[in-house]
């Protein structure tokens, strides 16, 4: 039987889900420090950030990469406890 588990950590995850996760985990202030984007630093909101990220591929890539890093660190912490 073929294993249908996807190796892509972003499979089935929307940009909104990624952004909400990051904001809940590290907050807007830390997000703005780690990814220098004005929509994270000045009057941030999910809606305005999504609008910008959907139009700006380099920024979306940085957010996706940060998400992958963060879920990887959570997985590693979970296996060592």
PDB file of N, CA and C in Angstrom:
ATOM      1  N   UNK A   1       0.847  -1.184   0.000  1.00  0.00           N
ATOM      2  CA  UNK A   1       0.000   0.000   0.000  1.00  0.00           C
ATOM      3  C   UNK A   1       0.893   1.249   0.000  1.00  0.00           C
ATOM      4  N   UNK A   2       0.500   2.249  -0.733  1.00  0.00           N
ATOM      5  CA  UNK A   2       1.270   3.481  -0.861  1.00  0.00           C
ATOM      6  C   UNK A   2       0.966   4.392   0.329  1.00  0.00           C
ATOM      7  N   UNK A   3       2.023   4.949   0.887  1.00  0.00           N
ATOM      8  CA  UNK A   3       1.878   5.897   1.989  1.00  0.00           C
ATOM      9  C   UNK A   3       1.514   7.259   1.410  1.00  0.00           C
ATOM     10  N   UNK A   4       0.335   7.775   1.771  1.00  0.00           N
ATOM     11  CA  UNK A   4      -0.135   9.050   1.237  1.00  0.00           C
ATOM     12  C   UNK A   4       0.273  10.236   2.085  1.00  0.00           C
ATOM     13  N   UNK A   5       1.068  10.015   3.101  1.00  0.00           N
ATOM     14  CA  UNK A   5       1.511  11.118   3.954  1.00  0.00           C
ATOM     15  C   UNK A   5       2.430  12.034   3.152  1.00  0.00           C
ATOM     16  N   UNK A   6       2.091  13.301   3.163  1.00  0.00           N
ATOM     17  CA  UNK A   6       2.870  14.289   2.415  1.00  0.00           C
ATOM     18  C   UNK A   6       4.091  14.706   3.210  1.00  0.00           C
ATOM     19  N   UNK A   7       5.197  14.875   2.519  1.00  0.00           N
ATOM     20  CA  UNK A   7       6.422  15.314   3.175  1.00  0.00           C
ATOM     21  C   UNK A   7       6.506  16.835   3.253  1.00  0.00           C
ATOM     22  N   UNK A   8       5.682  17.514   2.489  1.00  0.00           N
ATOM     23  CA  UNK A   8       5.660  18.971   2.507  1.00  0.00           C
ATOM     24  C   UNK A   8       4.932  19.452   3.761  1.00  0.00           C
ATOM     25  N   UNK A   9       5.621  20.138   4.682  1.00  0.00           N
ATOM     26  CA  UNK A   9       4.972  20.587   5.924  1.00  0.00           C
ATOM     27  C   UNK A   9       3.895  21.649   5.690  1.00  0.00           C
ATOM     28  N   UNK A  10       3.860  22.231   4.494  1.00  0.00           N
ATOM     29  CA  UNK A  10       2.852  23.247   4.201  1.00  0.00           C
ATOM     30  C   UNK A  10       1.617  22.667   3.517  1.00  0.00           C
ATOM     31  N   UNK A  11       1.641  21.375   3.230  1.00  0.00           N
ATOM     32  CA  UNK A  11       0.505  20.744   2.544  1.00  0.00           C
ATOM     33  C   UNK A  11      -0.757  20.862   3.400  1.00  0.00           C
ATOM     34  N   UNK A  12      -1.782  21.453   2.820  1.00  0.00           N
ATOM     35  CA  UNK A  12      -3.064  21.586   3.507  1.00  0.00           C
ATOM     36  C   UNK A  12      -3.135  22.736   4.498  1.00  0.00           C
ATOM     37  N   UNK A  13      -2.089  23.542   4.576  1.00  0.00           N
ATOM     38  CA  UNK A  13      -2.047  24.668   5.507  1.00  0.00           C
ATOM     39  C   UNK A  13      -2.200  25.961   4.717  1.00  0.00           C
ATOM     40  N   UNK A  14      -3.162  26.777   5.111  1.00  0.00           N
ATOM     41  CA  UNK A  14      -3.368  28.051   4.415  1.00  0.00           C
ATOM     42  C   UNK A  14      -2.427  29.114   4.975  1.00  0.00           C
ATOM     43  N   UNK A  15      -2.242  30.159   4.210  1.00  0.00           N
ATOM     44  CA  UNK A  15      -1.423  31.285   4.669  1.00  0.00           C
ATOM     45  C   UNK A  15      -2.025  31.895   5.928  1.00  0.00           C
ATOM     46  N   UNK A  16      -3.329  31.955   5.999  1.00  0.00           N
ATOM     47  CA  UNK A  16      -3.984  32.494   7.195  1.00  0.00           C
ATOM     48  C   UNK A  16      -3.687  31.618   8.413  1.00  0.00           C
ATOM     49  N   UNK A  17      -3.721  30.317   8.265  1.00  0.00           N
ATOM     50  CA  UNK A  17      -3.412  29.406   9.370  1.00  0.00           C
ATOM     51  C   UNK A  17      -1.975  29.609   9.842  1.00  0.00           C
ATOM     52  N   UNK A  18      -1.063  29.785   8.893  1.00  0.00           N
ATOM     53  CA  UNK A  18       0.343  30.012   9.225  1.00  0.00           C
ATOM     54  C   UNK A  18       0.499  31.294  10.024  1.00  0.00           C
ATOM     55  N   UNK A  19      -0.110  32.358   9.542  1.00  0.00           N
ATOM     56  CA  UNK A  19       0.016  33.664  10.193  1.00  0.00           C
ATOM     57  C   UNK A  19      -0.602  33.652  11.589  1.00  0.00           C
ATOM     58  N   UNK A  20      -1.778  33.073  11.730  1.00  0.00           N
ATOM     59  CA  UNK A  20      -2.427  32.994  13.042  1.00  0.00           C
ATOM     60  C   UNK A  20      -1.550  32.202  14.016  1.00  0.00           C
ATOM     61  N   UNK A  21      -0.991  31.095  13.552  1.00  0.00           N
ATOM     62  CA  UNK A  21      -0.107  30.278  14.395  1.00  0.00           C
ATOM     63  C   UNK A  21       1.095  31.096  14.880  1.00  0.00           C
ATOM     64  N   UNK A  22       1.741  31.796  13.948  1.00  0.00           N
ATOM     65  CA  UNK A  22       2.930  32.567  14.306  1.00  0.00           C
ATOM     66  C   UNK A  22       2.600  33.703  15.278  1.00  0.00           C
ATOM     67  N   UNK A  23       1.485  34.373  15.046  1.00  0.00           N
ATOM     68  CA  UNK A  23       1.094  35.474  15.934  1.00  0.00           C
ATOM     69  C   UNK A  23       0.795  34.934  17.335  1.00  0.00           C
ATOM     70  N   UNK A  24       0.104  33.794  17.409  1.00  0.00           N
ATOM     71  CA  UNK A  24      -0.199  33.205  18.715  1.00  0.00           C
ATOM     72  C   UNK A  24       1.067  32.711  19.411  1.00  0.00           C
ATOM     73  N   UNK A  25       2.010  32.176  18.645  1.00  0.00           N
ATOM     74  CA  UNK A  25       3.215  31.587  19.230  1.00  0.00           C
ATOM     75  C   UNK A  25       4.260  32.634  19.614  1.00  0.00           C
ATOM     76  N   UNK A  26       4.539  33.584  18.710  1.00  0.00           N
ATOM     77  CA  UNK A  26       5.624  34.531  18.977  1.00  0.00           C
ATOM     78  C   UNK A  26       5.172  35.989  19.072  1.00  0.00           C
ATOM     79  N   UNK A  27       3.959  36.299  18.651  1.00  0.00           N
ATOM     80  CA  UNK A  27       3.425  37.653  18.755  1.00  0.00           C
ATOM     81  C   UNK A  27       3.867  38.561  17.607  1.00  0.00           C
ATOM     82  N   UNK A  28       3.127  39.652  17.439  1.00  0.00           N
ATOM     83  CA  UNK A  28       3.407  40.591  16.348  1.00  0.00           C
ATOM     84  C   UNK A  28       4.788  41.226  16.491  1.00  0.00           C
ATOM     85  N   UNK A  29       5.138  41.613  17.716  1.00  0.00           N
ATOM     86  CA  UNK A  29       6.410  42.317  17.932  1.00  0.00           C
ATOM     87  C   UNK A  29       7.599  41.434  17.527  1.00  0.00           C
ATOM     88  N   UNK A  30       7.604  40.198  17.964  1.00  0.00           N
ATOM     89  CA  UNK A  30       8.696  39.289  17.601  1.00  0.00           C
ATOM     90  C   UNK A  30       8.653  38.929  16.118  1.00  0.00           C
ATOM     91  N   UNK A  31       7.454  38.824  15.584  1.00  0.00           N
ATOM     92  CA  UNK A  31       7.323  38.556  14.150  1.00  0.00           C
ATOM     93  C   UNK A  31       7.936  39.697  13.343  1.00  0.00           C
ATOM     94  N   UNK A  32       7.681  40.927  13.768  1.00  0.00           N
ATOM     95  CA  UNK A  32       8.234  42.101  13.078  1.00  0.00           C
ATOM     96  C   UNK A  32       9.754  42.166  13.206  1.00  0.00           C
ATOM     97  N   UNK A  33      10.278  41.690  14.334  1.00  0.00           N
ATOM     98  CA  UNK A  33      11.737  41.662  14.503  1.00  0.00           C
ATOM     99  C   UNK A  33      12.381  40.614  13.605  1.00  0.00           C
ATOM    100  N   UNK A  34      11.738  39.482  13.487  1.00  0.00           N
ATOM    101  CA  UNK A  34      12.328  38.374  12.732  1.00  0.00           C
ATOM    102  C   UNK A  34      12.158  38.537  11.226  1.00  0.00           C
ATOM    103  N   UNK A  35      11.045  39.165  10.826  1.00  0.00           N
ATOM    104  CA  UNK A  35      10.800  39.447   9.403  1.00  0.00           C
ATOM    105  C   UNK A  35      10.457  40.924   9.306  1.00  0.00           C
ATOM    106  N   UNK A  36      11.362  41.687   8.723  1.00  0.00           N
ATOM    107  CA  UNK A  36      11.221  43.142   8.685  1.00  0.00           C
ATOM    108  C   UNK A  36      10.208  43.567   7.623  1.00  0.00           C
ATOM    109  N   UNK A  37       8.943  43.561   8.021  1.00  0.00           N
ATOM    110  CA  UNK A  37       7.853  43.955   7.125  1.00  0.00           C
ATOM    111  C   UNK A  37       6.980  44.936   7.900  1.00  0.00           C
ATOM    112  N   UNK A  38       6.672  46.067   7.291  1.00  0.00           N
ATOM    113  CA  UNK A  38       5.895  47.105   7.970  1.00  0.00           C
ATOM    114  C   UNK A  38       4.526  46.626   8.440  1.00  0.00           C
ATOM    115  N   UNK A  39       3.889  45.746   7.685  1.00  0.00           N
ATOM    116  CA  UNK A  39       2.545  45.318   8.088  1.00  0.00           C
ATOM    117  C   UNK A  39       2.565  44.508   9.381  1.00  0.00           C
ATOM    118  N   UNK A  40       3.729  44.034   9.804  1.00  0.00           N
ATOM    119  CA  UNK A  40       3.862  43.348  11.088  1.00  0.00           C
ATOM    120  C   UNK A  40       4.205  44.338  12.202  1.00  0.00           C
ATOM    121  N   UNK A  41       4.798  45.465  11.850  1.00  0.00           N
ATOM    122  CA  UNK A  41       5.303  46.408  12.847  1.00  0.00           C
ATOM    123  C   UNK A  41       4.339  47.559  13.146  1.00  0.00           C
ATOM    124  N   UNK A  42       3.628  48.021  12.148  1.00  0.00           N
ATOM    125  CA  UNK A  42       2.780  49.208  12.318  1.00  0.00           C
ATOM    126  C   UNK A  42       1.312  48.826  12.184  1.00  0.00           C
ATOM    127  N   UNK A  43       0.602  48.910  13.292  1.00  0.00           N
ATOM    128  CA  UNK A  43      -0.829  48.607  13.340  1.00  0.00           C
ATOM    129  C   UNK A  43      -1.145  47.263  12.664  1.00  0.00           C
ATOM    130  N   UNK A  44      -0.537  46.178  13.141  1.00  0.00           N
ATOM    131  CA  UNK A  44      -0.685  44.888  12.467  1.00  0.00           C
ATOM    132  C   UNK A  44      -2.075  44.278  12.617  1.00  0.00           C
ATOM    133  N   UNK A  45      -2.478  43.577  11.586  1.00  0.00           N
ATOM    134  CA  UNK A  45      -3.714  42.797  11.631  1.00  0.00           C
ATOM    135  C   UNK A  45      -3.541  41.608  10.686  1.00  0.00           C
ATOM    136  N   UNK A  46      -4.308  40.582  10.937  1.00  0.00           N
ATOM    137  CA  UNK A  46      -4.257  39.402  10.078  1.00  0.00           C
ATOM    138  C   UNK A  46      -4.671  39.802   8.658  1.00  0.00           C
ATOM    139  N   UNK A  47      -5.755  40.550   8.551  1.00  0.00           N
ATOM    140  CA  UNK A  47      -6.287  40.914   7.233  1.00  0.00           C
ATOM    141  C   UNK A  47      -5.277  41.698   6.390  1.00  0.00           C
ATOM    142  N   UNK A  48      -4.681  42.751   6.968  1.00  0.00           N
ATOM    143  CA  UNK A  48      -3.746  43.572   6.186  1.00  0.00           C
ATOM    144  C   UNK A  48      -2.478  42.774   5.857  1.00  0.00           C
ATOM    145  N   UNK A  49      -2.048  41.945   6.793  1.00  0.00           N
ATOM    146  CA  UNK A  49      -0.859  41.138   6.539  1.00  0.00           C
ATOM    147  C   UNK A  49      -1.104  40.121   5.431  1.00  0.00           C
ATOM    148  N   UNK A  50      -2.275  39.495   5.444  1.00  0.00           N
ATOM    149  CA  UNK A  50      -2.597  38.531   4.392  1.00  0.00           C
ATOM    150  C   UNK A  50      -2.636  39.197   3.021  1.00  0.00           C
ATOM    151  N   UNK A  51      -3.200  40.392   2.970  1.00  0.00           N
ATOM    152  CA  UNK A  51      -3.260  41.123   1.694  1.00  0.00           C
ATOM    153  C   UNK A  51      -1.851  41.362   1.159  1.00  0.00           C
ATOM    154  N   UNK A  52      -0.955  41.819   2.017  1.00  0.00           N
ATOM    155  CA  UNK A  52       0.416  42.072   1.602  1.00  0.00           C
ATOM    156  C   UNK A  52       1.129  40.778   1.209  1.00  0.00           C
ATOM    157  N   UNK A  53       1.022  39.760   2.043  1.00  0.00           N
ATOM    158  CA  UNK A  53       1.746  38.503   1.796  1.00  0.00           C
ATOM    159  C   UNK A  53       1.271  37.804   0.520  1.00  0.00           C
ATOM    160  N   UNK A  54       0.003  37.929   0.212  1.00  0.00           N
ATOM    161  CA  UNK A  54      -0.520  37.301  -1.016  1.00  0.00           C
ATOM    162  C   UNK A  54       0.000  37.992  -2.274  1.00  0.00           C
ATOM    163  N   UNK A  55       0.369  39.253  -2.146  1.00  0.00           N
ATOM    164  CA  UNK A  55       0.879  40.015  -3.295  1.00  0.00           C
ATOM    165  C   UNK A  55       2.398  40.017  -3.390  1.00  0.00           C
ATOM    166  N   UNK A  56       3.072  39.588  -2.317  1.00  0.00           N
ATOM    167  CA  UNK A  56       4.520  39.733  -2.237  1.00  0.00           C
ATOM    168  C   UNK A  56       5.155  38.378  -1.958  1.00  0.00           C
ATOM    169  N   UNK A  57       5.631  37.729  -3.007  1.00  0.00           N
ATOM    170  CA  UNK A  57       6.097  36.343  -2.885  1.00  0.00           C
ATOM    171  C   UNK A  57       7.316  36.196  -1.973  1.00  0.00           C
ATOM    172  N   UNK A  58       8.248  37.158  -1.984  1.00  0.00           N
ATOM    173  CA  UNK A  58       9.432  37.031  -1.140  1.00  0.00           C
ATOM    174  C   UNK A  58       9.048  37.085   0.337  1.00  0.00           C
ATOM    175  N   UNK A  59       8.065  37.918   0.673  1.00  0.00           N
ATOM    176  CA  UNK A  59       7.625  38.036   2.067  1.00  0.00           C
ATOM    177  C   UNK A  59       6.872  36.772   2.496  1.00  0.00           C
ATOM    178  N   UNK A  60       6.044  36.257   1.611  1.00  0.00           N
ATOM    179  CA  UNK A  60       5.316  35.025   1.907  1.00  0.00           C
ATOM    180  C   UNK A  60       6.300  33.884   2.165  1.00  0.00           C
ATOM    181  N   UNK A  61       7.337  33.801   1.356  1.00  0.00           N
ATOM    182  CA  UNK A  61       8.348  32.755   1.515  1.00  0.00           C
ATOM    183  C   UNK A  61       9.015  32.853   2.883  1.00  0.00           C
ATOM    184  N   UNK A  62       9.331  34.063   3.316  1.00  0.00           N
ATOM    185  CA  UNK A  62       9.957  34.244   4.632  1.00  0.00           C
ATOM    186  C   UNK A  62       9.020  33.797   5.751  1.00  0.00           C
ATOM    187  N   UNK A  63       7.748  34.109   5.625  1.00  0.00           N
ATOM    188  CA  UNK A  63       6.763  33.701   6.632  1.00  0.00           C
ATOM    189  C   UNK A  63       6.622  32.174   6.640  1.00  0.00           C
ATOM    190  N   UNK A  64       6.554  31.571   5.458  1.00  0.00           N
ATOM    191  CA  UNK A  64       6.459  30.113   5.371  1.00  0.00           C
ATOM    192  C   UNK A  64       7.697  29.443   5.963  1.00  0.00           C
ATOM    193  N   UNK A  65       8.861  29.986   5.678  1.00  0.00           N
ATOM    194  CA  UNK A  65      10.106  29.429   6.220  1.00  0.00           C
ATOM    195  C   UNK A  65      10.143  29.537   7.744  1.00  0.00           C
ATOM    196  N   UNK A  66       9.705  30.659   8.271  1.00  0.00           N
ATOM    197  CA  UNK A  66       9.659  30.832   9.720  1.00  0.00           C
ATOM    198  C   UNK A  66       8.687  29.830  10.336  1.00  0.00           C
ATOM    199  N   UNK A  67       7.556  29.635   9.712  1.00  0.00           N
ATOM    200  CA  UNK A  67       6.569  28.660  10.192  1.00  0.00           C
ATOM    201  C   UNK A  67       7.180  27.257  10.244  1.00  0.00           C
ATOM    202  N   UNK A  68       7.859  26.866   9.189  1.00  0.00           N
ATOM    203  CA  UNK A  68       8.496  25.543   9.142  1.00  0.00           C
ATOM    204  C   UNK A  68       9.532  25.411  10.256  1.00  0.00           C
ATOM    205  N   UNK A  69      10.304  26.470  10.472  1.00  0.00           N
ATOM    206  CA  UNK A  69      11.288  26.463  11.557  1.00  0.00           C
ATOM    207  C   UNK A  69      10.601  26.312  12.910  1.00  0.00           C
ATOM    208  N   UNK A  70       9.529  27.043  13.120  1.00  0.00           N
ATOM    209  CA  UNK A  70       8.822  27.014  14.402  1.00  0.00           C
ATOM    210  C   UNK A  70       8.161  25.660  14.652  1.00  0.00           C
ATOM    211  N   UNK A  71       7.523  25.071  13.647  1.00  0.00           N
ATOM    212  CA  UNK A  71       6.890  23.766  13.886  1.00  0.00           C
ATOM    213  C   UNK A  71       7.947  22.689  14.061  1.00  0.00           C
ATOM    214  N   UNK A  72       9.108  22.876  13.433  1.00  0.00           N
ATOM    215  CA  UNK A  72      10.213  21.944  13.625  1.00  0.00           C
ATOM    216  C   UNK A  72      10.743  21.998  15.040  1.00  0.00           C
ATOM    217  N   UNK A  73      10.822  23.204  15.609  1.00  0.00           N
ATOM    218  CA  UNK A  73      11.320  23.329  16.983  1.00  0.00           C
ATOM    219  C   UNK A  73      10.314  22.758  17.971  1.00  0.00           C
ATOM    220  N   UNK A  74       9.033  22.867  17.673  1.00  0.00           N
ATOM    221  CA  UNK A  74       8.001  22.290  18.535  1.00  0.00           C
ATOM    222  C   UNK A  74       8.087  20.768  18.484  1.00  0.00           C
ATOM    223  N   UNK A  75       8.281  20.212  17.294  1.00  0.00           N
ATOM    224  CA  UNK A  75       8.396  18.758  17.140  1.00  0.00           C
ATOM    225  C   UNK A  75       9.609  18.227  17.902  1.00  0.00           C
ATOM    226  N   UNK A  76      10.731  18.907  17.802  1.00  0.00           N
ATOM    227  CA  UNK A  76      11.941  18.471  18.495  1.00  0.00           C
ATOM    228  C   UNK A  76      11.769  18.548  20.007  1.00  0.00           C
ATOM    229  N   UNK A  77      11.112  19.593  20.493  1.00  0.00           N
ATOM    230  CA  UNK A  77      10.875  19.714  21.932  1.00  0.00           C
ATOM    231  C   UNK A  77       9.965  18.597  22.411  1.00  0.00           C
ATOM    232  N   UNK A  78       8.975  18.260  21.588  1.00  0.00           N
ATOM    233  CA  UNK A  78       8.036  17.217  21.963  1.00  0.00           C
ATOM    234  C   UNK A  78       8.667  15.833  22.047  1.00  0.00           C
ATOM    235  N   UNK A  79       9.704  15.560  21.265  1.00  0.00           N
ATOM    236  CA  UNK A  79      10.323  14.250  21.269  1.00  0.00           C
ATOM    237  C   UNK A  79      11.356  14.089  22.367  1.00  0.00           C
ATOM    238  N   UNK A  80      11.842  15.197  22.925  1.00  0.00           N
ATOM    239  CA  UNK A  80      12.876  15.099  23.959  1.00  0.00           C
ATOM    240  C   UNK A  80      12.305  15.088  25.357  1.00  0.00           C
ATOM    241  N   UNK A  81      11.033  15.395  25.505  1.00  0.00           N
ATOM    242  CA  UNK A  81      10.441  15.445  26.848  1.00  0.00           C
ATOM    243  C   UNK A  81       9.921  14.102  27.266  1.00  0.00           C
TER     244      UNK A  81
END
